[in-house]
């Protein structure tokens, strides 16, 4: 994912996180996100028969 901020310097720095709704900071355990570049990766094995067929991920981008 990619977000941008028009501010310069430290105020334009964007930090990414996976967000489990607006009431919790818990990220979905099967995924992780690089806080600096927004790259999302699988962090554990996903069982196609046991796990859900789809995952909804909410990404939070916070600027300086």
C-alpha atoms as a PDB file:
ATOM      1  CA  UNK A   1       0.000   0.000   0.000  1.00  0.00           C
ATOM      2  CA  UNK A   2       1.112   3.564  -0.479  1.00  0.00           C
ATOM      3  CA  UNK A   3       0.089   6.802   1.186  1.00  0.00           C
ATOM      4  CA  UNK A   4       1.590  10.237   0.768  1.00  0.00           C
ATOM      5  CA  UNK A   5       1.700  13.462   2.727  1.00  0.00           C
ATOM      6  CA  UNK A   6       2.445  16.859   1.236  1.00  0.00           C
ATOM      7  CA  UNK A   7       4.470  17.926   4.297  1.00  0.00           C
ATOM      8  CA  UNK A   8       8.268  17.929   4.116  1.00  0.00           C
ATOM      9  CA  UNK A   9      10.817  16.310   6.391  1.00  0.00           C
ATOM     10  CA  UNK A  10       9.747  14.361   9.461  1.00  0.00           C
ATOM     11  CA  UNK A  11       6.186  15.696   9.124  1.00  0.00           C
ATOM     12  CA  UNK A  12       5.842  13.992   5.748  1.00  0.00           C
ATOM     13  CA  UNK A  13       7.003  10.588   7.009  1.00  0.00           C
ATOM     14  CA  UNK A  14       4.197   7.987   6.808  1.00  0.00           C
ATOM     15  CA  UNK A  15       4.108   4.957   9.122  1.00  0.00           C
ATOM     16  CA  UNK A  16       1.897   1.978   8.234  1.00  0.00           C
ATOM     17  CA  UNK A  17       0.198  -0.569  10.475  1.00  0.00           C
ATOM     18  CA  UNK A  18      -2.492  -3.205  10.160  1.00  0.00           C
ATOM     19  CA  UNK A  19      -5.510  -2.190  12.136  1.00  0.00           C
ATOM     20  CA  UNK A  20      -8.289  -4.416  13.471  1.00  0.00           C
ATOM     21  CA  UNK A  21     -11.053  -1.844  13.475  1.00  0.00           C
ATOM     22  CA  UNK A  22     -11.165   1.463  15.260  1.00  0.00           C
ATOM     23  CA  UNK A  23     -11.622  -0.069  18.723  1.00  0.00           C
ATOM     24  CA  UNK A  24      -8.506  -2.280  18.756  1.00  0.00           C
ATOM     25  CA  UNK A  25      -4.838  -2.079  17.742  1.00  0.00           C
ATOM     26  CA  UNK A  26      -4.613  -5.868  17.235  1.00  0.00           C
ATOM     27  CA  UNK A  27      -3.433  -6.790  13.764  1.00  0.00           C
ATOM     28  CA  UNK A  28      -4.695  -9.917  11.992  1.00  0.00           C
ATOM     29  CA  UNK A  29      -2.153 -12.616  12.987  1.00  0.00           C
ATOM     30  CA  UNK A  30      -1.721 -14.120   9.507  1.00  0.00           C
ATOM     31  CA  UNK A  31      -0.325 -10.897   8.031  1.00  0.00           C
ATOM     32  CA  UNK A  32       2.250  -8.246   8.785  1.00  0.00           C
ATOM     33  CA  UNK A  33       3.063  -4.904   7.229  1.00  0.00           C
ATOM     34  CA  UNK A  34       6.379  -3.114   6.952  1.00  0.00           C
ATOM     35  CA  UNK A  35       5.829   0.132   8.879  1.00  0.00           C
ATOM     36  CA  UNK A  36       8.146   2.083   6.561  1.00  0.00           C
ATOM     37  CA  UNK A  37       7.116   1.068   3.030  1.00  0.00           C
ATOM     38  CA  UNK A  38       3.625  -0.466   3.469  1.00  0.00           C
ATOM     39  CA  UNK A  39       4.526  -3.876   2.027  1.00  0.00           C
ATOM     40  CA  UNK A  40       2.077  -6.527   3.294  1.00  0.00           C
ATOM     41  CA  UNK A  41       3.335 -10.095   3.766  1.00  0.00           C
ATOM     42  CA  UNK A  42       1.954 -13.370   5.055  1.00  0.00           C
ATOM     43  CA  UNK A  43       3.470 -14.038   8.474  1.00  0.00           C
ATOM     44  CA  UNK A  44       2.273 -17.625   8.965  1.00  0.00           C
ATOM     45  CA  UNK A  45       0.988 -20.549   6.926  1.00  0.00           C
ATOM     46  CA  UNK A  46      -2.549 -20.139   5.689  1.00  0.00           C
ATOM     47  CA  UNK A  47      -4.591 -23.340   5.414  1.00  0.00           C
ATOM     48  CA  UNK A  48      -6.913 -23.020   2.439  1.00  0.00           C
ATOM     49  CA  UNK A  49      -9.374 -25.536   3.908  1.00  0.00           C
ATOM     50  CA  UNK A  50      -9.355 -24.304   7.536  1.00  0.00           C
ATOM     51  CA  UNK A  51      -8.885 -20.552   7.219  1.00  0.00           C
ATOM     52  CA  UNK A  52     -11.319 -18.113   5.599  1.00  0.00           C
ATOM     53  CA  UNK A  53     -11.355 -17.922   1.804  1.00  0.00           C
ATOM     54  CA  UNK A  54     -10.760 -14.169   1.965  1.00  0.00           C
ATOM     55  CA  UNK A  55      -9.230 -11.734   4.424  1.00  0.00           C
ATOM     56  CA  UNK A  56     -10.187  -8.107   4.845  1.00  0.00           C
ATOM     57  CA  UNK A  57      -7.269  -5.969   5.976  1.00  0.00           C
ATOM     58  CA  UNK A  58      -7.551  -2.448   7.248  1.00  0.00           C
ATOM     59  CA  UNK A  59      -4.342  -0.436   6.891  1.00  0.00           C
ATOM     60  CA  UNK A  60      -3.673   2.598   9.020  1.00  0.00           C
ATOM     61  CA  UNK A  61      -1.287   5.225   7.635  1.00  0.00           C
ATOM     62  CA  UNK A  62      -0.115   7.788  10.187  1.00  0.00           C
ATOM     63  CA  UNK A  63       1.915  10.838   9.245  1.00  0.00           C
ATOM     64  CA  UNK A  64       4.408  12.802  11.318  1.00  0.00           C
END
